[in-house]
């Protein structure tokens, strides 16, 4: 089984900030003064990117006084989006130190460092007090976590009573075997997929209530179709985070993921639930 260092190593090459600056410059943006809009194709490292972040935000009621937790915060796109949209505070945690370093740098460039901070750490042992967050979200993270019960229990611990949890994840489908590499794993050794039903059961077992689960396969396929149409027209796709993080391997990863969706080997899901009052 893969270790934490193996998983972090899948995402880091050591020159991420330079690659981000190069990509922004190629788009005609100023790498030293990026906007949220210029960053969006690169800093939303999860399925459908900004589209999903906006959809999840539309379902939530977040006050400026709220403190939210971003679990698996990557280079910080969703955290900055939530802070900018709602005026709330966000703490992000990620296993990959390079992601955290880039997230801090970009957040400072956008003058959001007073409301958004990032810590390197393990989602199974988060360095936060009990009942400290009004809400939490996690996007395309649990696929790298074998011990789902510990993951859900740790989130439950740090949420205030009545606090909400929103997950956007990839579940195991009822089709054939998934081909690797994928954006989250080089081999099956680092990929820990469970079914939608197992996800729901696991959350309930850890004390979450009011669980609502949504299958978003059709949305994922439609997004892929729109992205291919843009590329066929000679334009850039709206979601370029996989290319930024994984470079030349991104095309194979995207093809394997797309085939997995089409063949129902994997299933994108969104889950909303709460910690009991």
C-alpha atoms as a PDB file:
ATOM      1  CA  UNK A   1       0.000   0.000   0.000  1.00  0.00           C
ATOM      2  CA  UNK A   2       1.231   3.504  -0.796  1.00  0.00           C
ATOM      3  CA  UNK A   3       2.515   5.772   1.961  1.00  0.00           C
ATOM      4  CA  UNK A   4       1.758   9.462   2.428  1.00  0.00           C
ATOM      5  CA  UNK A   5       5.095  10.333   0.812  1.00  0.00           C
ATOM      6  CA  UNK A   6       4.222   8.204  -2.227  1.00  0.00           C
ATOM      7  CA  UNK A   7       0.927  10.030  -2.640  1.00  0.00           C
ATOM      8  CA  UNK A   8       2.457  13.486  -2.147  1.00  0.00           C
ATOM      9  CA  UNK A   9       5.181  12.539  -4.612  1.00  0.00           C
ATOM     10  CA  UNK A  10       2.573  11.865  -7.281  1.00  0.00           C
ATOM     11  CA  UNK A  11       1.647  15.552  -7.251  1.00  0.00           C
ATOM     12  CA  UNK A  12       4.976  17.346  -6.859  1.00  0.00           C
ATOM     13  CA  UNK A  13       7.929  17.983  -9.170  1.00  0.00           C
ATOM     14  CA  UNK A  14       9.485  20.995  -7.454  1.00  0.00           C
ATOM     15  CA  UNK A  15       8.886  23.690 -10.071  1.00  0.00           C
ATOM     16  CA  UNK A  16       5.122  24.187  -9.854  1.00  0.00           C
ATOM     17  CA  UNK A  17       5.172  27.956  -9.293  1.00  0.00           C
ATOM     18  CA  UNK A  18       7.425  28.467 -12.320  1.00  0.00           C
ATOM     19  CA  UNK A  19       5.129  26.298 -14.442  1.00  0.00           C
ATOM     20  CA  UNK A  20       2.092  28.237 -13.253  1.00  0.00           C
ATOM     21  CA  UNK A  21       3.770  31.535 -14.094  1.00  0.00           C
ATOM     22  CA  UNK A  22       4.673  30.244 -17.555  1.00  0.00           C
ATOM     23  CA  UNK A  23       1.100  29.095 -18.201  1.00  0.00           C
ATOM     24  CA  UNK A  24      -0.360  32.412 -17.066  1.00  0.00           C
ATOM     25  CA  UNK A  25       2.061  34.353 -19.242  1.00  0.00           C
ATOM     26  CA  UNK A  26       1.128  32.176 -22.243  1.00  0.00           C
ATOM     27  CA  UNK A  27      -2.494  33.144 -21.617  1.00  0.00           C
ATOM     28  CA  UNK A  28      -1.590  36.829 -21.656  1.00  0.00           C
ATOM     29  CA  UNK A  29      -1.960  37.266 -17.873  1.00  0.00           C
ATOM     30  CA  UNK A  30       0.543  38.892 -15.540  1.00  0.00           C
ATOM     31  CA  UNK A  31       2.040  36.075 -13.412  1.00  0.00           C
ATOM     32  CA  UNK A  32       2.979  38.537 -10.661  1.00  0.00           C
ATOM     33  CA  UNK A  33      -0.526  40.057 -10.510  1.00  0.00           C
ATOM     34  CA  UNK A  34      -2.928  37.293 -11.479  1.00  0.00           C
ATOM     35  CA  UNK A  35      -6.675  37.633 -11.172  1.00  0.00           C
ATOM     36  CA  UNK A  36      -9.054  34.971  -9.876  1.00  0.00           C
ATOM     37  CA  UNK A  37     -10.354  34.604 -13.424  1.00  0.00           C
ATOM     38  CA  UNK A  38      -6.894  34.073 -14.930  1.00  0.00           C
ATOM     39  CA  UNK A  39      -6.036  31.481 -12.272  1.00  0.00           C
ATOM     40  CA  UNK A  40      -9.296  29.529 -12.515  1.00  0.00           C
ATOM     41  CA  UNK A  41      -8.245  27.114 -15.308  1.00  0.00           C
ATOM     42  CA  UNK A  42      -5.219  26.074 -13.210  1.00  0.00           C
ATOM     43  CA  UNK A  43      -5.999  26.367  -9.506  1.00  0.00           C
ATOM     44  CA  UNK A  44      -9.217  24.285  -9.385  1.00  0.00           C
ATOM     45  CA  UNK A  45      -7.586  20.827  -9.362  1.00  0.00           C
ATOM     46  CA  UNK A  46     -10.691  18.636  -9.341  1.00  0.00           C
ATOM     47  CA  UNK A  47     -13.232  17.296 -11.789  1.00  0.00           C
ATOM     48  CA  UNK A  48     -14.872  20.053 -13.902  1.00  0.00           C
ATOM     49  CA  UNK A  49     -12.817  22.648 -12.041  1.00  0.00           C
ATOM     50  CA  UNK A  50     -14.428  26.000 -11.369  1.00  0.00           C
ATOM     51  CA  UNK A  51     -17.783  24.767 -12.662  1.00  0.00           C
ATOM     52  CA  UNK A  52     -18.080  22.385  -9.699  1.00  0.00           C
ATOM     53  CA  UNK A  53     -16.816  24.947  -7.185  1.00  0.00           C
ATOM     54  CA  UNK A  54     -19.496  27.389  -8.329  1.00  0.00           C
ATOM     55  CA  UNK A  55     -22.206  24.715  -8.249  1.00  0.00           C
ATOM     56  CA  UNK A  56     -21.313  23.690  -4.698  1.00  0.00           C
ATOM     57  CA  UNK A  57     -21.176  27.302  -3.543  1.00  0.00           C
ATOM     58  CA  UNK A  58     -24.644  27.914  -5.011  1.00  0.00           C
ATOM     59  CA  UNK A  59     -26.088  25.269  -2.668  1.00  0.00           C
ATOM     60  CA  UNK A  60     -24.569  26.723   0.506  1.00  0.00           C
ATOM     61  CA  UNK A  61     -25.444  29.519   2.898  1.00  0.00           C
ATOM     62  CA  UNK A  62     -22.157  30.948   4.159  1.00  0.00           C
ATOM     63  CA  UNK A  63     -21.871  34.019   6.391  1.00  0.00           C
ATOM     64  CA  UNK A  64     -18.846  36.347   6.495  1.00  0.00           C
ATOM     65  CA  UNK A  65     -18.305  35.246  10.092  1.00  0.00           C
ATOM     66  CA  UNK A  66     -18.000  31.568   9.134  1.00  0.00           C
ATOM     67  CA  UNK A  67     -14.726  29.666   9.245  1.00  0.00           C
ATOM     68  CA  UNK A  68     -14.551  26.904   6.628  1.00  0.00           C
ATOM     69  CA  UNK A  69     -12.126  24.012   6.197  1.00  0.00           C
ATOM     70  CA  UNK A  70     -10.803  22.992   2.771  1.00  0.00           C
ATOM     71  CA  UNK A  71      -9.497  19.412   3.002  1.00  0.00           C
ATOM     72  CA  UNK A  72      -7.006  18.671   0.238  1.00  0.00           C
ATOM     73  CA  UNK A  73      -6.748  22.336  -0.676  1.00  0.00           C
ATOM     74  CA  UNK A  74      -4.247  21.965  -3.538  1.00  0.00           C
ATOM     75  CA  UNK A  75      -2.955  25.327  -4.725  1.00  0.00           C
ATOM     76  CA  UNK A  76      -5.920  27.083  -3.206  1.00  0.00           C
ATOM     77  CA  UNK A  77      -8.405  27.877  -5.961  1.00  0.00           C
ATOM     78  CA  UNK A  78     -11.601  26.828  -4.149  1.00  0.00           C
ATOM     79  CA  UNK A  79     -10.480  28.455  -0.884  1.00  0.00           C
ATOM     80  CA  UNK A  80      -9.842  31.773  -2.593  1.00  0.00           C
ATOM     81  CA  UNK A  81     -13.134  31.504  -4.491  1.00  0.00           C
ATOM     82  CA  UNK A  82     -15.135  30.921  -1.288  1.00  0.00           C
ATOM     83  CA  UNK A  83     -13.331  33.714   0.564  1.00  0.00           C
ATOM     84  CA  UNK A  84     -13.896  36.161  -2.278  1.00  0.00           C
ATOM     85  CA  UNK A  85     -17.545  35.195  -2.782  1.00  0.00           C
ATOM     86  CA  UNK A  86     -18.690  34.969   0.825  1.00  0.00           C
ATOM     87  CA  UNK A  87     -16.157  37.121   2.685  1.00  0.00           C
ATOM     88  CA  UNK A  88     -15.536  34.231   5.101  1.00  0.00           C
ATOM     89  CA  UNK A  89     -12.335  32.743   6.513  1.00  0.00           C
ATOM     90  CA  UNK A  90     -10.866  29.558   5.032  1.00  0.00           C
ATOM     91  CA  UNK A  91      -8.200  27.215   6.340  1.00  0.00           C
ATOM     92  CA  UNK A  92      -6.835  24.735   3.837  1.00  0.00           C
ATOM     93  CA  UNK A  93      -4.869  21.583   4.586  1.00  0.00           C
ATOM     94  CA  UNK A  94      -2.975  19.500   2.055  1.00  0.00           C
ATOM     95  CA  UNK A  95      -0.513  16.636   2.212  1.00  0.00           C
ATOM     96  CA  UNK A  96       1.713  18.117  -0.514  1.00  0.00           C
ATOM     97  CA  UNK A  97       4.033  20.832   0.787  1.00  0.00           C
ATOM     98  CA  UNK A  98       4.649  22.298  -2.681  1.00  0.00           C
ATOM     99  CA  UNK A  99       0.906  22.803  -3.142  1.00  0.00           C
ATOM    100  CA  UNK A 100       0.751  24.690   0.164  1.00  0.00           C
ATOM    101  CA  UNK A 101       3.730  26.877  -0.722  1.00  0.00           C
ATOM    102  CA  UNK A 102       2.256  27.848  -4.094  1.00  0.00           C
ATOM    103  CA  UNK A 103      -1.167  28.382  -2.516  1.00  0.00           C
ATOM    104  CA  UNK A 104       0.310  30.810   0.018  1.00  0.00           C
ATOM    105  CA  UNK A 105       2.243  32.719  -2.638  1.00  0.00           C
ATOM    106  CA  UNK A 106      -0.751  33.153  -4.944  1.00  0.00           C
ATOM    107  CA  UNK A 107      -3.072  34.040  -2.054  1.00  0.00           C
ATOM    108  CA  UNK A 108      -0.680  36.813  -1.009  1.00  0.00           C
ATOM    109  CA  UNK A 109      -0.567  38.112  -4.585  1.00  0.00           C
ATOM    110  CA  UNK A 110      -4.358  38.399  -4.452  1.00  0.00           C
ATOM    111  CA  UNK A 111      -4.262  40.103  -1.010  1.00  0.00           C
ATOM    112  CA  UNK A 112      -6.418  37.366   0.521  1.00  0.00           C
ATOM    113  CA  UNK A 113      -3.892  36.166   3.110  1.00  0.00           C
ATOM    114  CA  UNK A 114      -5.857  37.724   5.981  1.00  0.00           C
ATOM    115  CA  UNK A 115      -8.804  35.433   5.253  1.00  0.00           C
ATOM    116  CA  UNK A 116      -7.182  32.363   3.688  1.00  0.00           C
ATOM    117  CA  UNK A 117      -4.353  30.265   5.113  1.00  0.00           C
ATOM    118  CA  UNK A 118      -2.877  26.879   4.261  1.00  0.00           C
ATOM    119  CA  UNK A 119      -1.229  24.203   6.386  1.00  0.00           C
ATOM    120  CA  UNK A 120       0.663  21.115   5.305  1.00  0.00           C
ATOM    121  CA  UNK A 121      -0.756  18.084   7.048  1.00  0.00           C
ATOM    122  CA  UNK A 122      -2.531  14.746   6.973  1.00  0.00           C
ATOM    123  CA  UNK A 123      -6.318  14.667   6.667  1.00  0.00           C
ATOM    124  CA  UNK A 124      -6.354  11.697   9.039  1.00  0.00           C
ATOM    125  CA  UNK A 125      -4.707  13.679  11.849  1.00  0.00           C
ATOM    126  CA  UNK A 126      -5.525  17.327  11.320  1.00  0.00           C
ATOM    127  CA  UNK A 127      -3.811  19.866  13.613  1.00  0.00           C
ATOM    128  CA  UNK A 128      -7.072  21.567  14.525  1.00  0.00           C
ATOM    129  CA  UNK A 129      -9.133  21.730  17.706  1.00  0.00           C
ATOM    130  CA  UNK A 130     -12.442  19.968  18.099  1.00  0.00           C
ATOM    131  CA  UNK A 131     -15.555  21.740  16.805  1.00  0.00           C
ATOM    132  CA  UNK A 132     -13.691  24.650  15.237  1.00  0.00           C
ATOM    133  CA  UNK A 133     -15.258  24.930  11.773  1.00  0.00           C
ATOM    134  CA  UNK A 134     -18.710  25.970  10.583  1.00  0.00           C
ATOM    135  CA  UNK A 135     -18.407  23.927   7.402  1.00  0.00           C
ATOM    136  CA  UNK A 136     -15.957  21.807   5.437  1.00  0.00           C
ATOM    137  CA  UNK A 137     -15.541  20.676   1.879  1.00  0.00           C
ATOM    138  CA  UNK A 138     -13.264  18.276   0.049  1.00  0.00           C
ATOM    139  CA  UNK A 139     -12.893  17.837  -3.702  1.00  0.00           C
ATOM    140  CA  UNK A 140     -11.314  14.776  -5.295  1.00  0.00           C
ATOM    141  CA  UNK A 141      -9.327  13.833  -2.207  1.00  0.00           C
ATOM    142  CA  UNK A 142     -10.752  10.657  -0.691  1.00  0.00           C
ATOM    143  CA  UNK A 143      -9.591   8.569  -3.684  1.00  0.00           C
ATOM    144  CA  UNK A 144      -6.100   8.737  -2.117  1.00  0.00           C
ATOM    145  CA  UNK A 145      -7.303   7.758   1.364  1.00  0.00           C
ATOM    146  CA  UNK A 146      -7.601   4.077   2.255  1.00  0.00           C
ATOM    147  CA  UNK A 147      -9.085   4.539   5.728  1.00  0.00           C
ATOM    148  CA  UNK A 148     -12.338   6.281   4.882  1.00  0.00           C
ATOM    149  CA  UNK A 149     -13.743   5.779   8.382  1.00  0.00           C
ATOM    150  CA  UNK A 150     -10.803   7.659   9.923  1.00  0.00           C
ATOM    151  CA  UNK A 151     -11.149  10.393   7.291  1.00  0.00           C
ATOM    152  CA  UNK A 152     -14.846  10.943   7.947  1.00  0.00           C
ATOM    153  CA  UNK A 153     -14.384  10.729  11.719  1.00  0.00           C
ATOM    154  CA  UNK A 154     -11.648  13.360  11.666  1.00  0.00           C
ATOM    155  CA  UNK A 155     -13.822  15.752   9.669  1.00  0.00           C
ATOM    156  CA  UNK A 156     -16.692  15.103  12.073  1.00  0.00           C
ATOM    157  CA  UNK A 157     -14.391  15.915  15.010  1.00  0.00           C
ATOM    158  CA  UNK A 158     -13.356  19.363  13.753  1.00  0.00           C
ATOM    159  CA  UNK A 159     -16.849  20.489  12.718  1.00  0.00           C
ATOM    160  CA  UNK A 160     -19.087  22.430  15.060  1.00  0.00           C
ATOM    161  CA  UNK A 161     -22.424  20.818  15.933  1.00  0.00           C
ATOM    162  CA  UNK A 162     -24.690  21.516  12.965  1.00  0.00           C
ATOM    163  CA  UNK A 163     -21.704  22.124  10.701  1.00  0.00           C
ATOM    164  CA  UNK A 164     -21.978  20.971   7.097  1.00  0.00           C
ATOM    165  CA  UNK A 165     -19.724  18.827   4.909  1.00  0.00           C
ATOM    166  CA  UNK A 166     -19.694  18.905   1.111  1.00  0.00           C
ATOM    167  CA  UNK A 167     -17.789  16.266  -0.863  1.00  0.00           C
ATOM    168  CA  UNK A 168     -17.128  16.138  -4.596  1.00  0.00           C
ATOM    169  CA  UNK A 169     -15.449  12.809  -5.241  1.00  0.00           C
ATOM    170  CA  UNK A 170     -14.982   9.909  -7.637  1.00  0.00           C
ATOM    171  CA  UNK A 171     -16.588   6.659  -6.553  1.00  0.00           C
ATOM    172  CA  UNK A 172     -16.186   3.149  -7.883  1.00  0.00           C
ATOM    173  CA  UNK A 173     -18.814   2.351 -10.491  1.00  0.00           C
ATOM    174  CA  UNK A 174     -20.370  -0.934 -11.534  1.00  0.00           C
ATOM    175  CA  UNK A 175     -18.475  -1.210 -14.820  1.00  0.00           C
ATOM    176  CA  UNK A 176     -15.102  -2.750 -15.637  1.00  0.00           C
ATOM    177  CA  UNK A 177     -11.651  -2.028 -14.273  1.00  0.00           C
ATOM    178  CA  UNK A 178     -10.193   1.465 -14.405  1.00  0.00           C
ATOM    179  CA  UNK A 179      -6.980   1.994 -16.371  1.00  0.00           C
ATOM    180  CA  UNK A 180      -4.075   3.903 -14.817  1.00  0.00           C
ATOM    181  CA  UNK A 181      -2.486   6.420 -14.545  1.00  0.00           C
ATOM    182  CA  UNK A 182      -5.207   8.855 -13.492  1.00  0.00           C
ATOM    183  CA  UNK A 183      -4.884  12.405 -12.141  1.00  0.00           C
ATOM    184  CA  UNK A 184      -4.983  11.050  -8.574  1.00  0.00           C
ATOM    185  CA  UNK A 185      -2.890   7.893  -8.880  1.00  0.00           C
ATOM    186  CA  UNK A 186      -0.086   6.475 -10.986  1.00  0.00           C
ATOM    187  CA  UNK A 187      -1.132   2.910 -10.197  1.00  0.00           C
ATOM    188  CA  UNK A 188      -3.987   1.158  -8.346  1.00  0.00           C
ATOM    189  CA  UNK A 189      -1.740   1.013  -5.258  1.00  0.00           C
ATOM    190  CA  UNK A 190      -2.528   4.669  -4.502  1.00  0.00           C
ATOM    191  CA  UNK A 191      -6.186   4.589  -5.536  1.00  0.00           C
ATOM    192  CA  UNK A 192      -8.779   3.675  -2.926  1.00  0.00           C
ATOM    193  CA  UNK A 193     -12.171   3.889  -4.582  1.00  0.00           C
ATOM    194  CA  UNK A 194     -15.389   2.894  -2.857  1.00  0.00           C
ATOM    195  CA  UNK A 195     -18.946   2.883  -4.155  1.00  0.00           C
ATOM    196  CA  UNK A 196     -21.448   5.666  -3.636  1.00  0.00           C
ATOM    197  CA  UNK A 197     -23.346   3.411  -1.228  1.00  0.00           C
ATOM    198  CA  UNK A 198     -20.181   2.732   0.779  1.00  0.00           C
ATOM    199  CA  UNK A 199     -19.529   6.464   0.921  1.00  0.00           C
ATOM    200  CA  UNK A 200     -23.010   7.132   2.274  1.00  0.00           C
ATOM    201  CA  UNK A 201     -22.797   4.277   4.770  1.00  0.00           C
ATOM    202  CA  UNK A 202     -19.356   5.389   5.943  1.00  0.00           C
ATOM    203  CA  UNK A 203     -20.485   8.947   6.595  1.00  0.00           C
ATOM    204  CA  UNK A 204     -23.546   7.749   8.492  1.00  0.00           C
ATOM    205  CA  UNK A 205     -21.451   5.394  10.610  1.00  0.00           C
ATOM    206  CA  UNK A 206     -19.276   8.325  11.654  1.00  0.00           C
ATOM    207  CA  UNK A 207     -22.242  10.348  12.860  1.00  0.00           C
ATOM    208  CA  UNK A 208     -23.185  12.465   9.847  1.00  0.00           C
ATOM    209  CA  UNK A 209     -26.874  13.082   9.225  1.00  0.00           C
ATOM    210  CA  UNK A 210     -29.116  14.481   6.470  1.00  0.00           C
ATOM    211  CA  UNK A 211     -26.972  12.805   3.822  1.00  0.00           C
ATOM    212  CA  UNK A 212     -27.858  13.749   0.237  1.00  0.00           C
ATOM    213  CA  UNK A 213     -25.874  12.106  -2.572  1.00  0.00           C
ATOM    214  CA  UNK A 214     -25.955  13.083  -6.237  1.00  0.00           C
ATOM    215  CA  UNK A 215     -24.598  11.215  -9.261  1.00  0.00           C
ATOM    216  CA  UNK A 216     -22.904  13.777 -11.564  1.00  0.00           C
ATOM    217  CA  UNK A 217     -21.828  11.464 -14.388  1.00  0.00           C
ATOM    218  CA  UNK A 218     -23.944  13.238 -16.999  1.00  0.00           C
ATOM    219  CA  UNK A 219     -22.487  16.603 -16.011  1.00  0.00           C
ATOM    220  CA  UNK A 220     -18.950  15.196 -16.269  1.00  0.00           C
ATOM    221  CA  UNK A 221     -19.591  13.753 -19.728  1.00  0.00           C
ATOM    222  CA  UNK A 222     -21.186  16.998 -20.923  1.00  0.00           C
ATOM    223  CA  UNK A 223     -18.234  19.020 -19.607  1.00  0.00           C
ATOM    224  CA  UNK A 224     -15.806  16.710 -21.423  1.00  0.00           C
ATOM    225  CA  UNK A 225     -17.782  17.120 -24.656  1.00  0.00           C
ATOM    226  CA  UNK A 226     -17.705  20.920 -24.387  1.00  0.00           C
ATOM    227  CA  UNK A 227     -13.987  20.846 -23.648  1.00  0.00           C
ATOM    228  CA  UNK A 228     -13.251  18.666 -26.688  1.00  0.00           C
ATOM    229  CA  UNK A 229     -15.265  21.028 -28.888  1.00  0.00           C
ATOM    230  CA  UNK A 230     -13.150  23.979 -27.743  1.00  0.00           C
ATOM    231  CA  UNK A 231      -9.926  22.085 -28.443  1.00  0.00           C
ATOM    232  CA  UNK A 232     -11.223  21.065 -31.884  1.00  0.00           C
ATOM    233  CA  UNK A 233     -11.790  24.761 -32.580  1.00  0.00           C
ATOM    234  CA  UNK A 234      -8.184  25.520 -31.673  1.00  0.00           C
ATOM    235  CA  UNK A 235      -8.994  26.982 -28.260  1.00  0.00           C
ATOM    236  CA  UNK A 236      -7.758  26.013 -24.818  1.00  0.00           C
ATOM    237  CA  UNK A 237      -9.968  23.807 -22.635  1.00  0.00           C
ATOM    238  CA  UNK A 238     -11.557  25.522 -19.609  1.00  0.00           C
ATOM    239  CA  UNK A 239      -9.865  23.147 -17.140  1.00  0.00           C
ATOM    240  CA  UNK A 240      -6.065  22.922 -17.420  1.00  0.00           C
ATOM    241  CA  UNK A 241      -5.049  21.995 -13.870  1.00  0.00           C
ATOM    242  CA  UNK A 242      -4.198  18.374 -14.712  1.00  0.00           C
ATOM    243  CA  UNK A 243      -1.827  19.564 -17.445  1.00  0.00           C
ATOM    244  CA  UNK A 244      -0.232  22.039 -15.029  1.00  0.00           C
ATOM    245  CA  UNK A 245       0.321  19.438 -12.305  1.00  0.00           C
ATOM    246  CA  UNK A 246       1.187  16.378 -14.388  1.00  0.00           C
ATOM    247  CA  UNK A 247       2.640  17.731 -17.616  1.00  0.00           C
ATOM    248  CA  UNK A 248       3.060  15.235 -20.447  1.00  0.00           C
ATOM    249  CA  UNK A 249       1.260  12.471 -18.530  1.00  0.00           C
ATOM    250  CA  UNK A 250      -1.948  14.536 -18.360  1.00  0.00           C
ATOM    251  CA  UNK A 251      -3.277  13.405 -21.747  1.00  0.00           C
ATOM    252  CA  UNK A 252      -3.119   9.730 -20.796  1.00  0.00           C
ATOM    253  CA  UNK A 253      -4.611  10.441 -17.381  1.00  0.00           C
ATOM    254  CA  UNK A 254      -7.501  12.380 -18.904  1.00  0.00           C
ATOM    255  CA  UNK A 255      -8.147   9.659 -21.485  1.00  0.00           C
ATOM    256  CA  UNK A 256      -8.222   6.952 -18.800  1.00  0.00           C
ATOM    257  CA  UNK A 257     -10.568   9.018 -16.648  1.00  0.00           C
ATOM    258  CA  UNK A 258     -12.886   9.799 -19.541  1.00  0.00           C
ATOM    259  CA  UNK A 259     -13.031   6.144 -20.549  1.00  0.00           C
ATOM    260  CA  UNK A 260     -13.685   5.223 -16.920  1.00  0.00           C
ATOM    261  CA  UNK A 261     -16.703   7.528 -16.821  1.00  0.00           C
ATOM    262  CA  UNK A 262     -18.000   6.298 -20.177  1.00  0.00           C
ATOM    263  CA  UNK A 263     -17.671   2.631 -19.147  1.00  0.00           C
ATOM    264  CA  UNK A 264     -19.015   3.229 -15.603  1.00  0.00           C
ATOM    265  CA  UNK A 265     -15.795   2.009 -14.020  1.00  0.00           C
ATOM    266  CA  UNK A 266     -15.899   5.225 -11.987  1.00  0.00           C
ATOM    267  CA  UNK A 267     -18.706   7.535 -10.982  1.00  0.00           C
ATOM    268  CA  UNK A 268     -18.428  11.229 -10.011  1.00  0.00           C
ATOM    269  CA  UNK A 269     -20.567  12.049  -7.000  1.00  0.00           C
ATOM    270  CA  UNK A 270     -21.397  15.006  -4.788  1.00  0.00           C
ATOM    271  CA  UNK A 271     -22.458  14.545  -1.176  1.00  0.00           C
ATOM    272  CA  UNK A 272     -23.893  17.013   1.305  1.00  0.00           C
ATOM    273  CA  UNK A 273     -24.339  16.110   4.952  1.00  0.00           C
ATOM    274  CA  UNK A 274     -24.194  17.637   8.430  1.00  0.00           C
ATOM    275  CA  UNK A 275     -22.930  16.986  11.910  1.00  0.00           C
ATOM    276  CA  UNK A 276     -25.887  16.634  14.247  1.00  0.00           C
ATOM    277  CA  UNK A 277     -26.758  19.622  16.431  1.00  0.00           C
END
